[in-house]
Protein backbone atom coordinates (compact mmCIF):
# COMPACT_ATOMS: atom_id res chain seq x y z
CA UNK A 1 144.14 104.59 130.00
CA UNK A 2 147.31 103.38 131.79
CA UNK A 3 149.07 102.83 128.45
CA UNK A 4 147.96 106.28 127.31
CA UNK A 5 149.36 107.87 130.49
CA UNK A 6 152.64 105.93 130.10
CA UNK A 7 153.05 107.13 126.50
CA UNK A 8 152.44 110.72 127.51
CA UNK A 9 154.90 110.41 130.43
CA UNK A 10 157.66 108.99 128.22
CA UNK A 11 157.00 111.69 125.62
CA UNK A 12 157.17 114.34 128.33
CA UNK A 13 160.57 113.05 129.53
CA UNK A 14 161.91 112.99 125.95
CA UNK A 15 160.78 116.56 125.30
CA UNK A 16 162.36 117.78 128.54
CA UNK A 17 165.68 116.12 127.64
CA UNK A 18 165.68 117.75 124.21
CA UNK A 19 164.80 121.08 125.81
CA UNK A 20 167.64 120.77 128.33
CA UNK A 21 170.15 120.05 125.54
CA UNK A 22 168.94 123.03 123.51
CA UNK A 23 168.95 125.40 126.49
CA UNK A 24 172.36 124.29 127.71
CA UNK A 25 173.88 124.63 124.26
CA UNK A 26 172.28 128.02 123.65
CA UNK A 27 173.55 129.58 126.86
CA UNK A 28 176.80 127.79 127.71
CA UNK A 29 178.28 127.17 124.26
CA UNK A 30 177.93 130.78 123.08
CA UNK A 31 181.05 132.76 122.09
CA UNK A 32 180.96 134.68 125.39
CA UNK A 33 182.97 133.07 128.20
CA UNK A 34 180.65 132.01 131.09
CA UNK A 35 183.61 132.21 133.49
CA UNK A 36 184.27 135.83 132.46
CA UNK A 37 180.56 136.64 132.91
CA UNK A 38 180.56 135.06 136.35
CA UNK A 39 183.77 136.75 137.47
CA UNK A 40 183.06 140.19 136.06
CA UNK A 41 184.80 142.52 133.58
CA UNK A 42 187.53 143.62 136.02
CA UNK A 43 188.83 140.13 136.86
CA UNK A 44 192.37 139.18 135.95
CA UNK A 45 193.07 136.14 133.73
CA UNK A 46 194.15 134.19 136.83
CA UNK A 47 190.85 134.95 138.59
CA UNK A 48 188.88 133.97 135.47
CA UNK A 49 190.80 130.69 135.30
CA UNK A 50 189.98 130.03 138.96
CA UNK A 51 186.27 130.67 138.36
CA UNK A 52 186.36 128.44 135.28
CA UNK A 53 187.81 125.61 137.34
CA UNK A 54 185.26 126.14 140.13
CA UNK A 55 182.34 126.01 137.67
CA UNK A 56 183.72 122.89 135.97
CA UNK A 57 184.08 124.62 132.60
CA UNK A 58 187.44 123.00 131.90
CA UNK A 59 185.81 119.60 131.43
CA UNK A 60 184.66 118.40 127.97
CA UNK A 61 181.28 119.62 126.77
CA UNK A 62 179.61 116.25 127.23
CA UNK A 63 180.94 116.02 130.79
CA UNK A 64 179.68 119.52 131.58
CA UNK A 65 176.20 118.59 130.35
CA UNK A 66 176.27 115.32 132.29
CA UNK A 67 177.18 117.18 135.50
CA UNK A 68 174.34 119.59 134.73
CA UNK A 69 171.82 116.73 134.51
CA UNK A 70 173.36 115.02 137.53
CA UNK A 71 172.88 118.19 139.55
CA UNK A 72 169.19 118.29 138.69
CA UNK A 73 168.68 114.70 139.83
CA UNK A 74 171.13 114.27 142.71
CA UNK A 75 172.80 117.63 143.36
CA UNK A 76 176.42 118.54 142.68
CA UNK A 77 179.51 120.30 144.04
CA UNK A 78 181.05 123.41 142.52
CA UNK A 79 184.79 123.55 143.04
CA UNK A 80 187.05 121.18 144.98
CA UNK A 81 188.53 120.94 148.43
CA UNK A 82 187.68 123.44 151.15
CA UNK A 83 186.34 125.94 148.60
CA UNK A 84 183.72 123.48 147.28
CA UNK A 85 180.12 124.64 147.37
CA UNK A 86 177.37 122.03 147.44
CA UNK A 87 174.16 122.61 145.48
CA UNK A 88 171.23 120.48 146.63
CA UNK A 89 169.00 118.64 144.16
CA UNK A 90 167.29 119.77 142.04
CA UNK A 91 170.33 121.93 141.32
CA UNK A 92 169.97 124.39 138.45
CA UNK A 93 173.21 126.14 139.23
CA UNK A 94 174.36 129.03 141.42
CA UNK A 95 173.72 132.67 140.57
CA UNK A 96 176.77 134.51 139.28
CA UNK A 97 175.77 137.73 141.01
CA UNK A 98 174.31 136.69 144.39
CA UNK A 99 175.88 133.28 145.00
CA UNK A 100 172.43 131.91 145.83
CA UNK A 101 171.15 128.60 144.50
CA UNK A 102 168.96 129.16 141.46
CA UNK A 103 166.40 126.66 142.74
CA UNK A 104 165.99 128.67 145.94
CA UNK A 105 165.59 131.91 144.00
CA UNK A 106 162.91 130.37 141.79
CA UNK A 107 161.12 128.70 144.69
CA UNK A 108 160.89 132.00 146.60
CA UNK A 109 159.27 133.72 143.63
CA UNK A 110 157.08 130.88 142.41
CA UNK A 111 154.13 131.65 144.77
CA UNK A 112 153.80 135.11 143.21
CA UNK A 113 153.59 133.83 139.64
CA UNK A 114 151.41 130.88 140.68
CA UNK A 115 148.98 133.21 142.46
CA UNK A 116 148.86 135.44 139.39
CA UNK A 117 148.37 132.53 136.96
CA UNK A 118 145.73 130.55 138.87
CA UNK A 119 143.73 133.61 139.89
CA UNK A 120 143.72 134.99 136.36
CA UNK A 121 142.72 131.57 134.96
CA UNK A 122 139.73 131.33 137.31
CA UNK A 123 138.61 134.81 136.31
CA UNK A 124 139.09 134.39 132.54
CA UNK A 125 137.21 131.06 132.59
CA UNK A 126 134.31 132.67 134.45
CA UNK A 127 134.17 135.70 132.15
CA UNK A 128 134.86 133.80 128.93
CA UNK A 129 132.37 130.97 129.41
CA UNK A 130 129.68 133.36 130.68
CA UNK A 131 130.19 135.71 127.72
CA UNK A 132 130.11 132.84 125.23
CA UNK A 133 126.97 131.42 126.82
CA UNK A 134 125.23 134.81 126.73
CA UNK A 135 126.21 135.27 123.07
CA UNK A 136 124.55 131.98 122.15
CA UNK A 137 121.43 132.72 124.17
CA UNK A 138 121.16 136.15 122.50
CA UNK A 139 122.32 135.13 119.02
CA UNK A 140 120.96 137.25 116.22
CA UNK A 141 120.32 140.19 118.56
CA UNK A 142 122.14 143.40 119.37
CA UNK A 143 123.62 141.83 122.52
CA UNK A 144 125.47 139.20 120.50
CA UNK A 145 126.93 141.79 118.12
CA UNK A 146 128.07 143.95 121.04
CA UNK A 147 129.72 140.99 122.80
CA UNK A 148 131.42 139.93 119.54
CA UNK A 149 132.85 143.44 119.12
CA UNK A 150 134.10 143.42 122.72
CA UNK A 151 135.83 140.05 122.31
CA UNK A 152 137.53 141.21 119.11
CA UNK A 153 138.72 144.37 120.88
CA UNK A 154 139.97 142.29 123.80
CA UNK A 155 142.00 140.04 121.51
CA UNK A 156 143.61 143.04 119.83
CA UNK A 157 144.54 144.99 122.99
CA UNK A 158 147.96 144.35 124.60
CA UNK A 159 147.96 143.48 128.29
CA UNK A 160 150.15 146.45 129.26
CA UNK A 161 147.62 148.87 127.73
CA UNK A 162 144.77 147.42 129.80
CA UNK A 163 146.99 147.32 132.88
CA UNK A 164 148.00 150.98 132.54
CA UNK A 165 144.38 152.03 132.02
CA UNK A 166 143.27 150.12 135.11
CA UNK A 167 146.06 151.64 137.20
CA UNK A 168 145.25 155.17 136.06
CA UNK A 169 141.50 154.73 136.54
CA UNK A 170 141.18 152.82 139.81
CA UNK A 171 144.43 153.76 141.59
CA UNK A 172 145.26 157.28 140.41
CA UNK A 173 141.98 158.91 139.32
CA UNK A 174 139.19 157.23 141.35
CA UNK A 175 141.54 156.06 144.12
CA UNK A 176 139.30 153.08 144.85
CA UNK A 177 142.23 150.67 145.06
CA UNK A 178 145.81 150.98 146.35
CA UNK A 179 148.64 150.47 143.91
CA UNK A 180 149.33 146.72 143.67
CA UNK A 181 151.91 145.23 146.04
CA UNK A 182 152.28 141.53 146.71
CA UNK A 183 151.59 140.14 150.18
CA UNK A 184 151.72 136.40 150.81
CA UNK A 185 148.43 134.54 151.08
CA UNK A 186 149.37 133.10 154.47
CA UNK A 187 150.42 136.51 155.80
CA UNK A 188 147.27 138.48 154.96
CA UNK A 189 144.66 136.90 152.64
CA UNK A 190 142.77 140.17 152.24
CA UNK A 191 145.84 142.17 151.19
CA UNK A 192 146.90 139.27 148.94
CA UNK A 193 143.56 139.50 147.12
CA UNK A 194 143.53 143.28 146.69
CA UNK A 195 147.18 143.35 145.64
CA UNK A 196 146.53 140.88 142.80
CA UNK A 197 143.07 142.05 141.72
CA UNK A 198 144.19 144.46 138.99
CA UNK A 199 146.80 142.05 137.54
CA UNK A 200 144.15 139.32 137.48
CA UNK A 201 141.67 141.58 135.69
CA UNK A 202 144.30 142.74 133.17
CA UNK A 203 145.16 139.18 132.16
CA UNK A 204 141.58 137.92 132.36
CA UNK A 205 140.19 140.62 130.06
CA UNK A 206 142.67 139.54 127.36
CA UNK A 207 142.26 135.78 127.74
CA UNK A 208 138.50 135.78 128.35
CA UNK A 209 137.93 137.18 124.86
CA UNK A 210 139.54 134.07 123.37
CA UNK A 211 137.52 131.75 125.60
CA UNK A 212 134.28 133.58 124.83
CA UNK A 213 134.79 133.01 121.10
CA UNK A 214 135.78 129.37 121.66
CA UNK A 215 132.77 128.72 123.89
CA UNK A 216 130.40 130.36 121.42
CA UNK A 217 131.71 128.47 118.38
CA UNK A 218 131.75 125.12 120.22
CA UNK A 219 128.21 125.61 121.48
CA UNK A 220 126.90 126.60 118.05
CA UNK A 221 128.56 123.50 116.59
CA UNK A 222 126.94 121.32 119.25
CA UNK A 223 123.54 122.93 118.69
CA UNK A 224 123.74 121.91 115.00
CA UNK A 225 124.10 118.19 115.82
CA UNK A 226 121.34 115.67 115.20
CA UNK A 227 120.51 114.86 118.82
CA UNK A 228 119.99 118.56 119.59
CA UNK A 229 117.59 118.87 116.66
CA UNK A 230 115.74 115.83 118.03
CA UNK A 231 115.43 117.45 121.45
CA UNK A 232 114.21 120.63 119.79
CA UNK A 233 111.61 118.67 117.80
CA UNK A 234 110.29 117.19 121.05
CA UNK A 235 109.71 120.71 122.35
CA UNK A 236 112.65 121.13 124.72
CA UNK A 237 113.14 124.81 125.51
CA UNK A 238 116.03 126.55 123.74
CA UNK A 239 117.51 127.87 126.98
CA UNK A 240 117.60 124.35 128.41
CA UNK A 241 119.24 123.01 125.24
CA UNK A 242 121.95 125.63 125.49
CA UNK A 243 122.66 125.43 129.23
CA UNK A 244 122.32 121.65 129.78
CA UNK A 245 123.42 120.05 126.51
CA UNK A 246 125.42 122.47 124.33
CA UNK A 247 127.41 123.92 127.23
CA UNK A 248 128.55 120.48 128.38
CA UNK A 249 129.96 119.70 124.95
CA UNK A 250 131.61 123.11 124.66
CA UNK A 251 133.51 122.82 127.94
CA UNK A 252 135.81 120.02 126.73
CA UNK A 253 138.02 122.18 124.44
CA UNK A 254 137.81 125.04 126.95
CA UNK A 255 139.24 122.89 129.75
CA UNK A 256 141.99 121.52 127.50
CA UNK A 257 143.00 125.01 126.30
CA UNK A 258 142.95 126.44 129.83
CA UNK A 259 145.54 123.86 130.93
CA UNK A 260 147.84 124.94 128.07
CA UNK A 261 147.38 128.64 128.78
CA UNK A 262 148.09 128.08 132.48
CA UNK A 263 151.45 126.52 131.59
CA UNK A 264 152.44 129.31 129.22
CA UNK A 265 151.35 131.88 131.79
CA UNK A 266 154.41 131.01 133.91
CA UNK A 267 156.63 132.22 131.07
CA UNK A 268 154.51 135.04 129.67
CA UNK A 269 153.92 136.96 132.91
CA UNK A 270 156.96 139.17 132.27
CA UNK A 271 155.01 142.25 131.19
CA UNK A 272 152.33 141.92 133.84
CA UNK A 273 154.74 141.41 136.73
CA UNK A 274 157.00 144.22 135.54
CA UNK A 275 154.07 146.59 135.08
CA UNK A 276 152.56 145.97 138.52
CA UNK A 277 155.88 145.47 140.34
CA UNK A 278 155.19 141.88 141.37
CA UNK A 279 158.33 139.98 142.52
CA UNK A 280 157.63 136.85 140.49
CA UNK A 281 159.44 134.72 137.94
CA UNK A 282 158.82 137.18 135.11
CA UNK A 283 160.42 140.10 136.91
CA UNK A 284 163.33 137.87 137.93
CA UNK A 285 163.86 136.96 134.27
CA UNK A 286 164.03 140.60 133.24
CA UNK A 287 166.59 141.48 135.93
CA UNK A 288 168.68 138.35 135.25
CA UNK A 289 168.84 139.04 131.52
CA UNK A 290 169.90 142.64 132.21
CA UNK A 291 172.91 141.52 134.29
CA UNK A 292 173.63 138.39 132.15
CA UNK A 293 173.16 135.97 135.07
CA UNK A 294 173.26 132.81 132.95
CA UNK A 295 172.38 130.15 135.58
CA UNK A 296 169.25 132.05 136.59
CA UNK A 297 168.18 132.56 132.97
CA UNK A 298 168.77 128.88 132.17
CA UNK A 299 166.84 127.82 135.26
CA UNK A 300 163.91 130.08 134.38
CA UNK A 301 163.78 128.79 130.80
CA UNK A 302 163.85 125.17 131.98
CA UNK A 303 161.18 125.73 134.61
CA UNK A 304 158.97 127.53 132.10
CA UNK A 305 159.48 124.73 129.57
CA UNK A 306 158.63 122.16 132.25
CA UNK A 307 155.40 124.02 133.07
CA UNK A 308 154.40 124.12 129.38
CA UNK A 309 155.19 120.41 128.85
CA UNK A 310 153.35 119.47 132.06
CA UNK A 311 150.36 121.58 131.02
CA UNK A 312 150.27 119.80 127.65
CA UNK A 313 150.26 116.44 129.42
CA UNK A 314 147.47 117.55 131.77
CA UNK A 315 145.47 118.87 128.81
CA UNK A 316 145.84 115.52 127.02
CA UNK A 317 144.66 113.67 130.13
CA UNK A 318 141.67 115.96 130.60
CA UNK A 319 140.72 115.62 126.96
CA UNK A 320 141.13 111.82 127.11
CA UNK A 321 138.95 111.70 130.22
CA UNK A 322 136.22 113.71 128.50
CA UNK A 323 136.50 111.84 125.18
CA UNK A 324 137.56 108.20 125.43
CA UNK A 325 138.20 108.05 121.67
CA UNK A 326 141.46 109.96 122.25
CA UNK A 327 142.83 107.06 124.30
CA UNK A 328 142.31 104.63 121.40
CA UNK A 329 144.00 106.87 118.84
């Protein structure tokens, strides 16, 4: 297992390095001048040259990338002399528009996206596994066909459609819930819960459809195995076979997939956060792209990529823990 973990760790580092090269090249080697973007359209050539020197854009490309990596590991200085600005590690740059460290901006908004992602994951696992289990227990009946139709509809419906319907129904028409607004968990746990309930439900209704189908197919595959037929021949009740034996085998791919979806959720929450007005990473990405704030966009892409790579590594570890044959492969 230790060798397996070491291989996955080295692979994770290699992927992150490749991602950093690709992201840096895509955003800083484009035809547009980063110094002009940072200074603004009304800056004189002398002011643009000063900004270029402060950002270190006069150095060779390889030196710029090395300083970029060095800032992530050990921090870096922007500019020289009395005008130098220090960026603490892990330094992802300084915002062109606000002058704030990108790491600080991301860290302040990370709890919002993390609350949205983890809460939605808990809800979609509960709904998805329960729906898949009920479909297997009621297979061949009207209940199974109805649940299959609902999961297909859930897969085909965009998240913003479900979110708008929930807002109109529960906030505008029935007025059972206030319009979502984020409050920190430590400030007011009750308001934190109610403010995120509709975003959680919107994401969970979409994702739970996928998990319901995965749970159902995995359980049906497990029920067709030889040892299950042996249990059935000995007179073990069908409900016990499904809940105690088939469900255990079906949870392995569900857990592995949930780790991957949790990682991608940090990058795909743009629509949900924008729709419900949540001040998370997704909404920050939209505003940063609109004003062409390159350091913030680069930092968001790298953080999202890190979350996806980390989620892949966690999924591999969970799968290897559940199935030891993966470690030997």
